[in-house]
C-alpha cells in the first residue's frame, strides 16, 4: 500500500505530465500555424510521450493500491515570438519537471518507499534525455539565428522524429 503523501504527490505529478502534454500540443499547433511542420511533428510526438508519462504514473498508483485523483489542467500558453522562444519555454518546462521528479524522489526516500524510489529512477533518467533534447534543438536554433534556410533545414530534421 502506498502512503497518502506519496499518493497525493503522484496524483500531482499526473497533472504535471498532463499539463506537459497540453503545452506541447499547444506548441505543435503554434508551429503548424507557422507552416513549420517538422517542428509541429516533433512537438506532437512529444505530446504523446508526455501522455505516456502520465499513464505510467497512473498505472503505478493503481498497482500500489492508491486512488487516482484527476485535477483540472491549466490552460497553456499558445503563442511565442519565434521558434527560439518556444524552445526556451520547452527547456524551462523540462527543467521544472526535473525539479518535480526530484521532489518525488526526495519524498520516496523520506517515506522509505523503496518501490516508488525504484520506479522514479526511470523518470530521473528520462529527464536527463528530455533536457538534452531541448538543449540540442535550442542550440541549433541559436546557431541558425534569423537565417530562414537554416530554420527550414532544422524543420526537415525535426520532421524525422517518430
Protein backbone atom coordinates (compact mmCIF):
# COMPACT_ATOMS: atom_id res chain seq x y z
CA UNK A 1 0.00 0.00 0.00
CA UNK A 2 1.27 3.43 -0.91
CA UNK A 3 1.33 6.22 1.68
CA UNK A 4 -1.19 9.05 1.43
CA UNK A 5 1.64 11.58 0.97
CA UNK A 6 3.10 9.63 -1.94
CA UNK A 7 -0.35 9.06 -3.43
CA UNK A 8 -1.06 12.80 -3.36
CA UNK A 9 2.36 13.63 -4.82
CA UNK A 10 1.92 11.14 -7.67
CA UNK A 11 -1.54 12.49 -8.42
CA UNK A 12 0.02 15.95 -8.63
CA UNK A 13 2.67 14.56 -10.98
CA UNK A 14 -0.01 13.05 -13.21
CA UNK A 15 -1.40 16.57 -13.51
CA UNK A 16 2.07 17.95 -14.28
CA UNK A 17 2.53 15.36 -17.03
CA UNK A 18 -0.92 16.08 -18.48
CA UNK A 19 -0.09 19.79 -18.49
CA UNK A 20 3.18 18.97 -20.27
CA UNK A 21 1.20 17.13 -22.95
CA UNK A 22 -1.23 20.02 -23.23
CA UNK A 23 1.63 22.53 -23.52
CA UNK A 24 3.36 20.55 -26.26
CA UNK A 25 0.10 20.13 -28.14
CA UNK A 26 -0.36 23.92 -27.99
CA UNK A 27 3.19 24.35 -29.27
CA UNK A 28 2.56 21.87 -32.09
CA UNK A 29 -0.43 23.98 -33.09
CA UNK A 30 1.68 27.15 -32.98
CA UNK A 31 4.26 25.61 -35.31
CA UNK A 32 1.56 24.31 -37.65
CA UNK A 33 0.29 27.90 -37.93
CA UNK A 34 3.84 28.95 -38.84
CA UNK A 35 3.93 26.24 -41.53
CA UNK A 36 6.87 24.57 -39.77
CA UNK A 37 5.52 21.05 -39.92
CA UNK A 38 8.78 19.41 -38.80
CA UNK A 39 8.64 21.37 -35.53
CA UNK A 40 4.94 20.52 -35.33
CA UNK A 41 5.78 16.83 -35.76
CA UNK A 42 8.50 16.89 -33.08
CA UNK A 43 6.16 18.51 -30.57
CA UNK A 44 3.24 16.26 -31.46
CA UNK A 45 5.45 13.23 -30.78
CA UNK A 46 6.48 14.90 -27.51
CA UNK A 47 2.81 15.41 -26.65
CA UNK A 48 2.23 11.65 -26.96
CA UNK A 49 5.35 10.93 -24.91
CA UNK A 50 4.06 13.10 -22.06
CA UNK A 51 0.70 11.30 -22.14
CA UNK A 52 2.69 8.09 -21.75
CA UNK A 53 4.45 9.51 -18.70
CA UNK A 54 1.10 10.40 -17.11
CA UNK A 55 -0.17 6.90 -17.88
CA UNK A 56 2.92 5.34 -16.29
CA UNK A 57 2.26 7.25 -13.04
CA UNK A 58 -1.47 6.42 -13.25
CA UNK A 59 -0.86 2.68 -13.62
CA UNK A 60 1.80 2.68 -10.91
CA UNK A 61 -0.57 4.35 -8.46
CA UNK A 62 -3.25 1.74 -9.15
CA UNK A 63 -0.74 -1.12 -8.82
CA UNK A 64 0.22 0.20 -5.39
CA UNK A 65 -3.39 0.40 -4.20
CA UNK A 66 -3.60 4.17 -4.43
CA UNK A 67 -6.55 6.23 -5.56
CA UNK A 68 -6.20 8.24 -8.76
CA UNK A 69 -7.48 11.79 -8.46
CA UNK A 70 -7.52 13.74 -11.70
CA UNK A 71 -7.44 17.52 -11.44
CA UNK A 72 -8.12 20.35 -13.86
CA UNK A 73 -5.32 21.01 -16.33
CA UNK A 74 -4.40 24.68 -16.56
CA UNK A 75 -4.51 26.38 -19.93
CA UNK A 76 -1.08 26.55 -21.57
CA UNK A 77 0.46 29.47 -23.40
CA UNK A 78 -0.28 29.15 -27.12
CA UNK A 79 1.88 31.80 -28.80
CA UNK A 80 5.55 32.62 -28.88
CA UNK A 81 7.57 35.31 -30.66
CA UNK A 82 9.60 32.80 -32.64
CA UNK A 83 10.80 29.18 -32.61
CA UNK A 84 13.73 30.01 -30.34
CA UNK A 85 11.43 31.47 -27.67
CA UNK A 86 9.21 28.38 -27.92
CA UNK A 87 12.15 26.04 -27.34
CA UNK A 88 13.41 28.19 -24.47
CA UNK A 89 9.98 27.50 -22.99
CA UNK A 90 10.41 23.76 -23.69
CA UNK A 91 13.76 23.71 -21.89
CA UNK A 92 12.45 25.73 -18.94
CA UNK A 93 9.44 23.45 -18.67
CA UNK A 94 11.60 20.31 -18.75
CA UNK A 95 13.77 21.79 -16.00
CA UNK A 96 10.59 22.40 -13.99
CA UNK A 97 9.54 18.77 -14.48
CA UNK A 98 13.02 17.59 -13.46
CA UNK A 99 12.56 19.53 -10.22
CA UNK A 100 9.18 17.87 -9.64
CA UNK A 101 10.64 14.40 -10.26
CA UNK A 102 13.47 15.18 -7.84
CA UNK A 103 10.90 16.21 -5.22
CA UNK A 104 9.15 12.86 -5.69
CA UNK A 105 12.46 11.03 -5.26
CA UNK A 106 13.11 13.00 -2.07
CA UNK A 107 9.64 12.09 -0.77
CA UNK A 108 10.12 8.41 -1.63
CA UNK A 109 13.37 8.44 0.35
CA UNK A 110 11.72 10.22 3.29
CA UNK A 111 8.79 7.78 3.28
CA UNK A 112 11.19 4.83 2.89
CA UNK A 113 9.13 3.82 -0.14
CA UNK A 114 11.60 1.61 -1.99
CA UNK A 115 9.15 0.69 -4.76
CA UNK A 116 8.41 4.31 -5.63
CA UNK A 117 12.09 5.19 -5.41
CA UNK A 118 12.93 2.40 -7.87
CA UNK A 119 10.12 3.36 -10.28
CA UNK A 120 11.17 7.02 -10.19
CA UNK A 121 14.69 6.21 -11.38
CA UNK A 122 13.25 5.70 -14.87
CA UNK A 123 11.89 9.25 -14.75
CA UNK A 124 15.19 10.64 -13.42
CA UNK A 125 16.97 9.17 -16.46
CA UNK A 126 14.18 10.25 -18.80
CA UNK A 127 14.53 13.85 -17.65
CA UNK A 128 18.23 13.86 -18.50
CA UNK A 129 17.23 12.90 -22.05
CA UNK A 130 14.35 15.41 -22.17
CA UNK A 131 16.55 18.32 -21.15
CA UNK A 132 19.34 17.26 -23.52
CA UNK A 133 16.92 17.10 -26.47
CA UNK A 134 15.53 20.55 -25.73
CA UNK A 135 19.05 21.99 -25.26
CA UNK A 136 20.16 20.47 -28.57
CA UNK A 137 17.30 22.00 -30.55
CA UNK A 138 17.69 25.34 -28.79
CA UNK A 139 21.44 25.39 -29.58
CA UNK A 140 20.66 24.71 -33.23
CA UNK A 141 18.07 27.49 -33.27
CA UNK A 142 20.64 29.86 -31.78
CA UNK A 143 23.14 28.84 -34.48
CA UNK A 144 20.57 29.37 -37.21
CA UNK A 145 19.59 32.80 -35.91
CA UNK A 146 17.43 34.64 -38.43
CA UNK A 147 18.50 32.57 -41.43
CA UNK A 148 15.38 31.07 -42.94
CA UNK A 149 17.34 28.42 -44.86
CA UNK A 150 18.80 27.08 -41.62
CA UNK A 151 15.37 27.10 -39.99
CA UNK A 152 13.95 25.09 -42.90
CA UNK A 153 16.83 22.59 -42.65
CA UNK A 154 16.17 22.15 -38.92
CA UNK A 155 12.46 21.81 -39.65
CA UNK A 156 13.26 18.99 -42.08
CA UNK A 157 15.42 17.29 -39.44
CA UNK A 158 12.68 17.50 -36.79
CA UNK A 159 10.16 16.01 -39.23
CA UNK A 160 12.09 12.71 -38.98
CA UNK A 161 11.14 12.08 -35.33
CA UNK A 162 8.81 9.15 -34.90
